[in-house]
Structure formats: C-alpha cells, structure tokens
Amino acid sequence: MDEIPLAKKLLLYTNLLAYSSLLQCDERRPRCANCAKRQSECQYASEAPIIWTNQDVNRSRASSTPASDCQEEDKRISTGDPFLFFGRLSMDSSAVHSTPDLNLLDLELMMQWCNSTYRTLSREERTDHTWQVIVPQEALSHPFLMHGILAISALHLARIGSETHRAMYISSAISHQNQALALFRGLLGDINSSNGKAMFIFSSMVTVFAFGFPHTPDAAEPLAPIDDLYQVLVLCNGMVQILSTAHSWIRDSDMAPILHANNDGFTPSPSDDAKLSDDARRALQQLREINDIYAERDPGHDPVACRTAIDNIGVMLVKLESGLTMPNIAVRWIVRCRDKYLEFLRARTPLALVILSHYCVILHRVRHHWWLAGWSTRVLKAIWLSLGNEWRHYLSWAMSEVFGPGRFGDSESV
C-alpha cells in the first residue's frame, strides 16, 4: 500500500480531533452545545453533585413541562433574576432520599455548648479552649461523650431558658444521658489509651449532670436532699477512680490544662485559718473539737477522715474569701473526702451531717453557677430537720451564712 502523504495524515488527524470534540461534552449547562448538535442526551450532569431540575433526569417531570415555560424561564434568568438561578439547582434525587433529616434540636444543643455551656465547666481561661474545642473533637470518636455534651447543654437550657420549652429540654437531656450511660458503662472494664480521655471527661460531666438536674421538693421525704447529695459525692469519687487510671494519657495530651487547673492551690496549709473571717474560723475550730471528743467516745470513729473533711472546708473557704468562685471549688472538697467519711454520711451520723452543713456554705457561695443553684438551702434544711436539739446549735454559723442572720431557730423558719 502506498504511504499516505504527510499532508493527508495531518488532514486525517485534524478531522479526528474535530470529530472527537463533537463526542466530548463541553460542560455547558443546562445542556452542552456538542450534545445539542448530535441531538443526544448529555451525560455530564449525571456525574456532578448538582443537577439542573429542568434537565431530562426525571423524564416524567420534564415531559410535563412545556417548552414555552422553559424558554420563558431562560429569558427571566438572562434579564437578571438572580434568585431563579438557584431555583434551577437541585441535589441528585437519590442522594436526597438517602440522607436523614437534620436533627435541629441536637444542632441547637451543640451550638449551645460551643457558645455558652462549655464555660460553665471550664475552670479558667486556660481551659476554655479545651472544653470548647478539644472536648467536642474527642466526642466525634466517642458517642457516649457526644451524648454527654448534648445532655449537659439541654439541661443548661432547661435551667436558664423560658418555661415554654423547659419540658422539651429536660426530656432531651434525660434521653441523651441515658444513651451516654448505656455506652459508658460498657467501657468501664476497659479504660485504655484510646478512650481514657473521653471516659474521664464524661465522668466529670456525670457529676455536673447530677448536680444540675432539677429536683422537685418531696414533702413525704424531707430528708431526701441529703441522700441526693450523697449520691453526687459517690459519683465524684468514681470520677477520681477513672482519673487515676487515665491520668498519664491526659497528662501527655492536649487535655493536660484540665489537670493543672484541678491541682493548683488546693493544698491545706496551717496558715489557712488565719485567712478566714473570725466567725468561720471559730466554726471550724468547733468542728475539730467535736471530732476529738467523738474519737475518745467511739472506738469506731475515724477522726482522720472527719478532720480531713473539716480542714478541706477551710481550704475552700479561703479560696472563696479571696474572691475565687469557680464551681470546681465545690467539687474539690468532695473528691478530697475519704471513704470513711462517706460511710458516716451514708449512715447519717450527727457529726458527719454537721460537717456537711458547713460544706453547704461553700455550695451557697457558688450558687450562681446554674448547676449548683439551690443545693445549699435544700440540703441544709434537711440536715436541720434530721438532727435533734442537742446538735442543732452546731449549725448556727452555717444557717446564718445560708439563710441570713436571725433565721436560726425552729424548723419552720427555714
């Protein structure tokens, strides 16, 4: 066969390129020019995430739209109707039907956390970023922590919002907390480097939830607030146990600022009492004297456990009187309580209750934090009702601090 001249080769190549260009889609929308010339269906749109609603993707819809209407719509776009342009865009119908609806309440709760609620758990400015950003990031890998965040946010809105939506937020808080606890409990036997940070953070949230959940006064159980607070104390001790397991993982992570804020400046000192008001100093000294008397009379008494509880009330009061009103002051006293003191409190021994009444002063000083509001008055009144007259005069200072001067008297006055 004779060799094809170079000129003819170039002509053939040019013709092939021209023909190839006719086969290719030029990506114009709603229909490419090449496809229109070939009078074929354009396949480009089916590969893109956004399609044109007047394109022949849904043939039944396209066939029902008169050509004159499409022409009129094109004319309106060309004459400057910018909003109509967006009206012609739509997601692929299969993607729309396979995507679940947005849970707007959960989105509201996450916005609430990032805008406001995180601050109510943060100790100070250096831990703000941890609670606002790092904790939600950690929650993306741990559903129980995500449910915990949403539960606290819902509870926060229920406490500070209008009465209209209060029931809805409480219901959401309970639902998320129940789901979180179900997942959390299953992991308690396997706390490791992967979940340790999330487990500790959630355990601290459980304490906040227990403090913040609204309690309705029960006339039939006037002493119930004591048991309620005891349960919170037990939860706090559980948080300490988890922290002891996960401490090294938290210490070496981006959540380390939380540990530093927890430990700063809360070590008891002999000079603490000198920084207190005269009334507070006398009240604590009286507690120490009662503790010593108990130790002489009762072989089963643990004076060290009660003395530790008393001394740490002094530490927290010094912090409060110096102007520090962070909510963790209330929690710090709890986590420093020894197990034996908790046993005495569970048994409602008079000395344990008197010590707890002085802790109510701490709760009263930080009552402006939404999740601590109301506890001081509820618990102190219950302690008053549970003690006989021989013990009530030891409550004098606490009653005056919480209910105001002149309210120390019979139970009806509180």
Protein backbone atom coordinates (compact mmCIF):
# COMPACT_ATOMS: atom_id res chain seq x y z
CA MET A 1 0.00 0.00 0.00
CA ASP A 2 1.27 3.41 -0.89
CA GLU A 3 2.35 5.51 2.04
CA ILE A 4 -0.11 8.21 2.95
CA PRO A 5 1.38 11.65 2.24
CA LEU A 6 2.16 13.79 5.29
CA ALA A 7 -0.37 16.41 4.23
CA LYS A 8 -3.10 13.82 4.10
CA LYS A 9 -2.07 12.46 7.54
CA LEU A 10 -2.38 15.91 9.04
CA LEU A 11 -5.78 16.33 7.44
CA LEU A 12 -6.96 12.99 8.86
CA TYR A 13 -5.61 13.89 12.32
CA THR A 14 -7.36 17.26 12.20
CA ASN A 15 -10.62 15.59 11.24
CA LEU A 16 -10.24 13.08 14.10
CA LEU A 17 -9.71 15.89 16.61
CA ALA A 18 -12.77 17.70 15.28
CA TYR A 19 -14.85 14.55 15.49
CA SER A 20 -13.53 13.82 18.99
CA SER A 21 -14.51 17.30 20.11
CA LEU A 22 -18.02 16.65 18.91
CA LEU A 23 -18.16 13.49 21.02
CA GLN A 24 -16.97 15.23 24.19
CA CYS A 25 -19.22 17.25 26.49
CA ASP A 26 -18.16 20.88 26.73
CA GLU A 27 -19.67 21.03 30.28
CA ARG A 28 -22.02 23.88 29.48
CA ARG A 29 -25.26 23.82 31.40
CA PRO A 30 -28.11 23.02 31.22
CA ARG A 31 -27.10 21.23 28.01
CA CYS A 32 -23.75 21.25 26.24
CA ALA A 33 -23.53 22.54 22.64
CA ASN A 34 -21.97 19.35 21.26
CA CYS A 35 -24.70 17.15 22.66
CA ALA A 36 -27.30 19.52 21.21
CA LYS A 37 -25.70 19.28 17.76
CA ARG A 38 -25.71 15.48 17.95
CA GLN A 39 -29.26 15.54 19.34
CA SER A 40 -28.11 13.15 22.11
CA GLU A 41 -28.65 13.10 25.85
CA CYS A 42 -25.93 14.89 27.81
CA GLN A 43 -24.32 12.59 30.40
CA TYR A 44 -22.23 15.24 32.13
CA ALA A 45 -24.88 16.29 34.62
CA SER A 46 -25.41 12.78 35.97
CA GLU A 47 -21.78 12.71 37.15
CA ALA A 48 -21.95 16.03 39.02
CA PRO A 49 -23.26 16.51 42.58
CA ILE A 50 -25.55 19.32 41.40
CA ILE A 51 -28.02 18.79 38.56
CA TRP A 52 -30.47 21.02 36.77
CA THR A 53 -34.08 20.45 37.66
CA ASN A 54 -35.31 21.08 34.09
CA GLN A 55 -32.86 18.53 32.65
CA ASP A 56 -34.19 15.19 31.47
CA VAL A 57 -33.13 13.31 34.63
CA ASN A 58 -36.70 12.70 35.63
CA ARG A 59 -38.41 12.13 32.30
CA SER A 60 -41.93 12.32 33.66
CA ARG A 61 -41.24 15.73 35.17
CA ALA A 62 -39.50 17.00 32.02
CA SER A 63 -42.27 15.81 29.75
CA SER A 64 -44.86 17.65 31.80
CA THR A 65 -43.06 20.98 31.44
CA PRO A 66 -44.00 22.82 28.21
CA ALA A 67 -41.13 24.10 26.05
CA SER A 68 -42.60 27.60 26.22
CA ASP A 69 -42.28 27.61 30.03
CA CYS A 70 -38.60 26.63 29.82
CA GLN A 71 -37.97 29.37 27.28
CA GLU A 72 -39.73 31.92 29.46
CA GLU A 73 -37.63 30.80 32.47
CA ASP A 74 -34.39 31.12 30.46
CA LYS A 75 -35.47 34.61 29.41
CA ARG A 76 -36.09 35.61 33.03
CA ILE A 77 -32.61 34.43 34.03
CA SER A 78 -30.99 36.33 31.16
CA THR A 79 -32.82 39.51 32.15
CA GLY A 80 -31.37 39.49 35.67
CA ASP A 81 -33.48 37.38 38.04
CA PRO A 82 -30.61 36.03 40.22
CA PHE A 83 -32.83 34.03 42.59
CA LEU A 84 -34.35 31.99 39.78
CA PHE A 85 -30.88 30.66 39.01
CA PHE A 86 -30.72 28.96 42.40
CA GLY A 87 -34.21 27.62 41.92
CA ARG A 88 -32.98 25.56 38.97
CA LEU A 89 -30.36 23.79 41.09
CA SER A 90 -31.14 20.62 42.97
CA MET A 91 -29.32 17.75 44.57
CA ASP A 92 -29.40 14.33 42.96
CA SER A 93 -32.76 12.88 43.96
CA SER A 94 -31.24 9.56 45.06
CA ALA A 95 -28.86 11.39 47.45
CA VAL A 96 -31.69 13.47 48.88
CA HIS A 97 -33.83 10.45 49.68
CA SER A 98 -30.94 8.54 51.26
CA THR A 99 -29.87 11.35 53.60
CA PRO A 100 -31.59 11.54 57.02
CA ASP A 101 -33.24 14.76 58.10
CA LEU A 102 -31.24 17.15 60.25
CA ASN A 103 -31.85 16.86 63.98
CA LEU A 104 -32.27 20.57 64.64
CA LEU A 105 -32.58 20.13 68.39
CA ASP A 106 -29.22 18.36 68.59
CA LEU A 107 -27.67 21.06 66.42
CA GLU A 108 -29.09 23.69 68.78
CA LEU A 109 -27.61 21.81 71.73
CA MET A 110 -24.16 21.66 70.13
CA MET A 111 -24.33 25.39 69.38
CA GLN A 112 -25.32 25.97 72.99
CA TRP A 113 -22.27 24.01 74.14
CA CYS A 114 -19.81 25.85 71.90
CA ASN A 115 -21.27 29.29 72.66
CA SER A 116 -22.05 29.08 76.35
CA THR A 117 -22.27 25.78 78.23
CA TYR A 118 -18.59 24.91 77.94
CA ARG A 119 -17.76 27.98 80.03
CA THR A 120 -19.78 26.63 82.95
CA LEU A 121 -17.48 23.59 83.14
CA SER A 122 -14.22 25.36 82.40
CA ARG A 123 -12.18 26.25 85.46
CA GLU A 124 -10.47 29.27 83.99
CA GLU A 125 -9.37 30.95 80.78
CA ARG A 126 -6.59 28.48 80.03
CA THR A 127 -9.05 25.57 79.97
CA ASP A 128 -11.68 27.33 77.83
CA HIS A 129 -10.20 26.07 74.56
CA THR A 130 -10.07 22.52 75.91
CA TRP A 131 -13.76 22.43 76.78
CA GLN A 132 -14.96 24.43 73.77
CA VAL A 133 -12.92 22.79 71.01
CA ILE A 134 -10.91 19.76 72.10
CA VAL A 135 -13.67 18.01 74.06
CA PRO A 136 -16.16 18.15 71.12
CA GLN A 137 -13.40 16.91 68.82
CA GLU A 138 -12.81 13.97 71.15
CA ALA A 139 -16.54 13.31 71.19
CA LEU A 140 -16.54 12.73 67.43
CA SER A 141 -14.77 9.42 68.14
CA HIS A 142 -16.74 8.51 71.27
CA PRO A 143 -20.55 8.60 71.00
CA PHE A 144 -21.05 8.39 74.77
CA LEU A 145 -19.14 11.66 75.18
CA MET A 146 -21.14 13.30 72.39
CA HIS A 147 -24.38 12.28 74.09
CA GLY A 148 -22.95 13.66 77.33
CA ILE A 149 -22.25 17.04 75.75
CA LEU A 150 -25.76 17.25 74.33
CA ALA A 151 -27.27 16.16 77.67
CA ILE A 152 -25.46 18.90 79.61
CA SER A 153 -26.39 21.53 77.02
CA ALA A 154 -30.05 20.50 77.15
CA LEU A 155 -30.02 20.62 80.93
CA HIS A 156 -28.39 24.04 80.84
CA LEU A 157 -31.09 25.38 78.51
CA ALA A 158 -33.79 23.87 80.72
CA ARG A 159 -32.38 25.68 83.74
CA ILE A 160 -31.79 29.09 82.17
CA GLY A 161 -34.40 29.21 79.39
CA SER A 162 -38.07 30.03 79.33
CA GLU A 163 -40.67 27.77 80.91
CA THR A 164 -42.22 27.17 77.48
CA HIS A 165 -39.53 24.76 76.28
CA ARG A 166 -38.32 23.53 79.65
CA ALA A 167 -40.02 20.14 79.45
CA MET A 168 -38.63 19.54 75.95
CA TYR A 169 -35.07 20.28 77.02
CA ILE A 170 -35.33 18.12 80.14
CA SER A 171 -36.69 15.25 78.07
CA SER A 172 -33.80 15.62 75.62
CA ALA A 173 -31.30 15.79 78.47
CA ILE A 174 -32.61 12.57 80.00
CA SER A 175 -32.63 10.79 76.63
CA HIS A 176 -29.05 11.75 75.79
CA GLN A 177 -27.81 10.97 79.29
CA ASN A 178 -29.42 7.52 79.26
CA GLN A 179 -27.82 6.73 75.90
CA ALA A 180 -24.47 8.02 77.13
CA LEU A 181 -24.56 5.98 80.33
CA ALA A 182 -25.50 2.80 78.48
CA LEU A 183 -22.40 3.14 76.29
CA PHE A 184 -20.18 4.39 79.11
CA ARG A 185 -20.94 1.52 81.48
CA GLY A 186 -19.91 -0.99 78.84
CA LEU A 187 -16.42 0.53 78.72
CA LEU A 188 -15.69 0.82 82.44
CA GLY A 189 -13.91 -2.51 82.43
CA ASP A 190 -11.61 -1.48 79.59
CA ILE A 191 -10.28 2.04 80.14
CA ASN A 192 -7.29 2.43 77.84
CA SER A 193 -5.18 4.97 75.98
CA SER A 194 -7.80 5.21 73.23
CA ASN A 195 -10.82 6.04 75.39
CA GLY A 196 -9.25 7.20 78.66
CA LYS A 197 -9.54 10.93 78.00
CA ALA A 198 -13.16 10.66 76.89
CA MET A 199 -14.01 8.44 79.88
CA PHE A 200 -12.61 10.97 82.35
CA ILE A 201 -14.29 13.94 80.70
CA PHE A 202 -17.63 12.16 80.64
CA SER A 203 -17.31 11.10 84.29
CA SER A 204 -16.89 14.75 85.24
CA MET A 205 -19.97 15.57 83.16
CA VAL A 206 -21.95 12.93 85.06
CA THR A 207 -21.18 14.85 88.25
CA VAL A 208 -22.34 18.12 86.68
CA PHE A 209 -25.50 16.44 85.39
CA ALA A 210 -26.28 15.03 88.85
CA PHE A 211 -25.77 18.46 90.42
CA GLY A 212 -27.69 20.28 87.69
CA PHE A 213 -30.72 18.05 87.30
CA PRO A 214 -33.75 19.79 88.85
CA HIS A 215 -35.14 18.21 91.99
CA THR A 216 -38.75 18.71 92.98
CA PRO A 217 -39.26 19.09 96.75
CA ASP A 218 -40.85 15.96 98.18
CA ALA A 219 -42.93 16.66 101.28
CA ALA A 220 -43.09 12.94 102.00
CA GLU A 221 -39.28 12.66 102.01
CA PRO A 222 -37.93 15.86 103.60
CA LEU A 223 -34.52 14.28 104.19
CA ALA A 224 -34.09 13.18 100.54
CA PRO A 225 -31.73 16.07 99.68
CA ILE A 226 -29.11 14.53 101.98
CA ASP A 227 -29.27 11.26 100.07
CA ASP A 228 -29.23 13.15 96.76
CA LEU A 229 -26.02 14.92 97.71
CA TYR A 230 -24.52 11.68 98.98
CA GLN A 231 -25.10 10.17 95.54
CA VAL A 232 -23.27 13.11 93.95
CA LEU A 233 -20.36 12.54 96.33
CA VAL A 234 -20.19 8.90 95.25
CA LEU A 235 -20.19 9.92 91.57
CA CYS A 236 -17.33 12.31 92.22
CA ASN A 237 -15.33 9.52 93.81
CA GLY A 238 -15.95 7.43 90.71
CA MET A 239 -14.57 10.27 88.61
CA VAL A 240 -11.41 10.20 90.74
CA GLN A 241 -11.01 6.48 90.16
CA ILE A 242 -11.23 6.94 86.40
CA LEU A 243 -8.78 9.84 86.57
CA SER A 244 -6.27 7.70 88.45
CA THR A 245 -6.41 5.17 85.60
CA ALA A 246 -6.29 7.67 82.74
CA HIS A 247 -4.04 10.29 84.35
CA SER A 248 -0.91 9.63 82.27
CA TRP A 249 -2.84 9.70 78.99
CA ILE A 250 -4.48 13.01 79.90
CA ARG A 251 -1.23 14.49 81.21
CA ASP A 252 0.53 13.87 77.90
CA SER A 253 -2.34 15.11 75.73
CA ASP A 254 -3.99 18.32 74.65
CA MET A 255 -6.30 17.98 77.67
CA ALA A 256 -3.46 18.49 80.15
CA PRO A 257 -4.62 22.03 81.10
CA ILE A 258 -7.60 20.46 82.88
CA LEU A 259 -5.29 18.60 85.24
CA HIS A 260 -3.24 21.70 86.02
CA ALA A 261 -6.37 23.69 86.82
CA ASN A 262 -7.59 20.90 89.11
CA ASN A 263 -4.44 20.82 91.22
CA ASP A 264 -3.43 24.46 91.54
CA GLY A 265 -3.51 25.96 95.02
CA PHE A 266 -5.71 23.47 96.87
CA THR A 267 -3.21 22.02 99.34
CA PRO A 268 -4.18 22.57 103.01
CA SER A 269 -1.86 24.81 105.00
CA PRO A 270 -1.62 25.56 108.77
CA SER A 271 -1.97 29.23 107.94
CA ASP A 272 -5.34 28.78 106.18
CA ASP A 273 -7.46 29.56 109.23
CA ALA A 274 -5.70 32.90 109.72
CA LYS A 275 -7.08 34.00 106.33
CA LEU A 276 -10.69 33.28 107.33
CA SER A 277 -13.20 35.57 108.99
CA ASP A 278 -13.46 35.27 112.76
CA ASP A 279 -16.85 33.55 112.55
CA ALA A 280 -15.67 30.99 110.00
CA ARG A 281 -12.51 30.26 111.99
CA ARG A 282 -14.46 29.70 115.21
CA ALA A 283 -16.96 27.45 113.41
CA LEU A 284 -14.21 25.20 112.02
CA GLN A 285 -12.39 25.08 115.35
CA GLN A 286 -15.62 23.97 116.99
CA LEU A 287 -15.91 21.14 114.46
CA ARG A 288 -12.38 19.97 115.23
CA GLU A 289 -13.13 19.91 118.94
CA ILE A 290 -16.28 17.86 118.40
CA ASN A 291 -14.29 15.47 116.23
CA ASP A 292 -11.74 14.96 119.02
CA ILE A 293 -14.50 14.26 121.55
CA TYR A 294 -16.09 11.72 119.19
CA ALA A 295 -12.74 9.94 118.83
CA GLU A 296 -12.49 9.50 122.62
CA ARG A 297 -16.04 8.21 122.99
CA ASP A 298 -16.48 5.99 119.94
CA PRO A 299 -13.87 3.36 119.01
CA GLY A 300 -15.46 3.05 115.57
CA HIS A 301 -14.99 6.73 114.80
CA ASP A 302 -12.33 7.75 112.28
CA PRO A 303 -11.05 11.17 113.40
CA VAL A 304 -8.61 11.45 110.49
CA ALA A 305 -11.36 11.11 107.87
CA CYS A 306 -13.52 13.74 109.57
CA ARG A 307 -10.56 16.05 110.24
CA THR A 308 -9.65 15.86 106.54
CA ALA A 309 -13.19 16.89 105.60
CA ILE A 310 -13.11 19.79 108.08
CA ASP A 311 -9.68 21.05 107.02
CA ASN A 312 -10.61 21.00 103.35
CA ILE A 313 -13.72 23.06 104.07
CA GLY A 314 -11.27 25.62 105.44
CA VAL A 315 -9.17 25.42 102.25
CA MET A 316 -12.20 26.03 100.04
CA LEU A 317 -13.45 28.89 102.23
CA VAL A 318 -10.05 30.59 101.96
CA LYS A 319 -10.32 30.36 98.18
CA LEU A 320 -13.82 31.79 98.27
CA GLU A 321 -12.94 34.64 100.60
CA SER A 322 -10.01 35.54 98.34
CA GLY A 323 -12.51 36.13 95.53
CA LEU A 324 -12.20 32.82 93.67
CA THR A 325 -15.68 31.50 92.89
CA MET A 326 -15.05 28.75 90.34
CA PRO A 327 -17.53 25.86 90.53
CA ASN A 328 -14.75 23.30 90.95
CA ILE A 329 -14.26 24.59 94.50
CA ALA A 330 -17.39 22.67 95.44
CA VAL A 331 -16.20 19.56 93.60
CA ARG A 332 -12.68 19.75 95.03
CA TRP A 333 -13.99 19.32 98.56
CA ILE A 334 -15.93 16.23 97.52
CA VAL A 335 -13.04 14.49 95.79
CA ARG A 336 -10.84 15.04 98.85
CA CYS A 337 -13.31 13.32 101.18
CA ARG A 338 -12.16 9.95 102.47
CA ASP A 339 -14.26 6.83 102.06
CA LYS A 340 -14.81 6.52 105.79
CA TYR A 341 -16.40 9.96 105.96
CA LEU A 342 -18.76 8.96 103.14
CA GLU A 343 -19.71 5.88 105.19
CA PHE A 344 -20.53 8.12 108.16
CA LEU A 345 -22.57 10.38 105.92
CA ARG A 346 -24.48 7.47 104.42
CA ALA A 347 -25.35 6.37 107.96
CA ARG A 348 -26.33 9.98 108.76
CA THR A 349 -24.18 10.18 111.87
CA PRO A 350 -24.67 13.55 113.56
CA LEU A 351 -21.05 14.71 113.20
CA ALA A 352 -20.94 13.85 109.50
CA LEU A 353 -24.13 15.86 108.99
CA VAL A 354 -22.79 18.84 110.93
CA ILE A 355 -19.64 18.81 108.78
CA LEU A 356 -21.85 18.62 105.68
CA SER A 357 -23.80 21.66 106.89
CA HIS A 358 -20.57 23.67 106.74
CA TYR A 359 -19.99 22.39 103.22
CA CYS A 360 -23.38 23.90 102.39
CA VAL A 361 -21.80 27.31 102.95
CA ILE A 362 -19.41 26.52 100.09
CA LEU A 363 -22.34 25.49 97.91
CA HIS A 364 -24.10 28.72 98.82
CA ARG A 365 -21.11 30.84 97.81
CA VAL A 366 -21.04 29.30 94.31
CA ARG A 367 -24.81 29.10 93.82
CA HIS A 368 -24.64 31.50 90.86
CA HIS A 369 -23.38 28.60 88.74
CA TRP A 370 -26.51 27.12 87.22
CA TRP A 371 -25.71 23.50 88.08
CA LEU A 372 -25.05 24.28 91.74
CA ALA A 373 -28.05 26.53 92.39
CA GLY A 374 -30.46 25.50 95.13
CA TRP A 375 -28.39 22.81 96.79
CA SER A 376 -27.26 24.76 99.84
CA THR A 377 -30.76 25.61 101.06
CA ARG A 378 -32.29 22.20 100.27
CA VAL A 379 -29.56 20.19 101.98
CA LEU A 380 -29.09 22.47 104.98
CA LYS A 381 -32.81 22.45 105.72
CA ALA A 382 -32.81 18.65 105.52
CA ILE A 383 -29.84 18.47 107.91
CA TRP A 384 -31.65 20.76 110.35
CA LEU A 385 -34.71 18.52 110.27
CA SER A 386 -32.68 15.35 110.74
CA LEU A 387 -30.77 16.47 113.85
CA GLY A 388 -32.02 16.72 117.40
CA ASN A 389 -31.85 19.86 119.50
CA GLU A 390 -28.54 18.80 121.10
CA TRP A 391 -26.87 19.09 117.69
CA ARG A 392 -28.70 21.96 116.06
CA HIS A 393 -26.73 24.71 117.79
CA TYR A 394 -23.63 23.47 115.93
CA LEU A 395 -25.36 24.60 112.73
CA SER A 396 -25.57 28.22 113.88
CA TRP A 397 -22.84 29.65 111.63
CA ALA A 398 -23.92 27.67 108.53
CA MET A 399 -27.58 28.63 108.99
CA SER A 400 -26.67 32.28 109.33
CA GLU A 401 -24.49 32.19 106.20
CA VAL A 402 -27.06 30.43 104.02
CA PHE A 403 -30.40 31.75 105.27
CA GLY A 404 -29.25 35.05 106.73
CA PRO A 405 -28.89 36.35 110.30
CA GLY A 406 -31.88 35.74 112.53
CA ARG A 407 -33.07 32.63 110.71
CA PHE A 408 -31.55 30.27 113.27
CA GLY A 409 -34.50 28.84 115.17
CA ASP A 410 -37.14 26.18 114.81
CA SER A 411 -37.54 24.19 111.60
CA GLU A 412 -40.43 26.33 110.39
CA SER A 413 -38.09 29.30 109.97
CA VAL A 414 -36.08 27.56 107.26
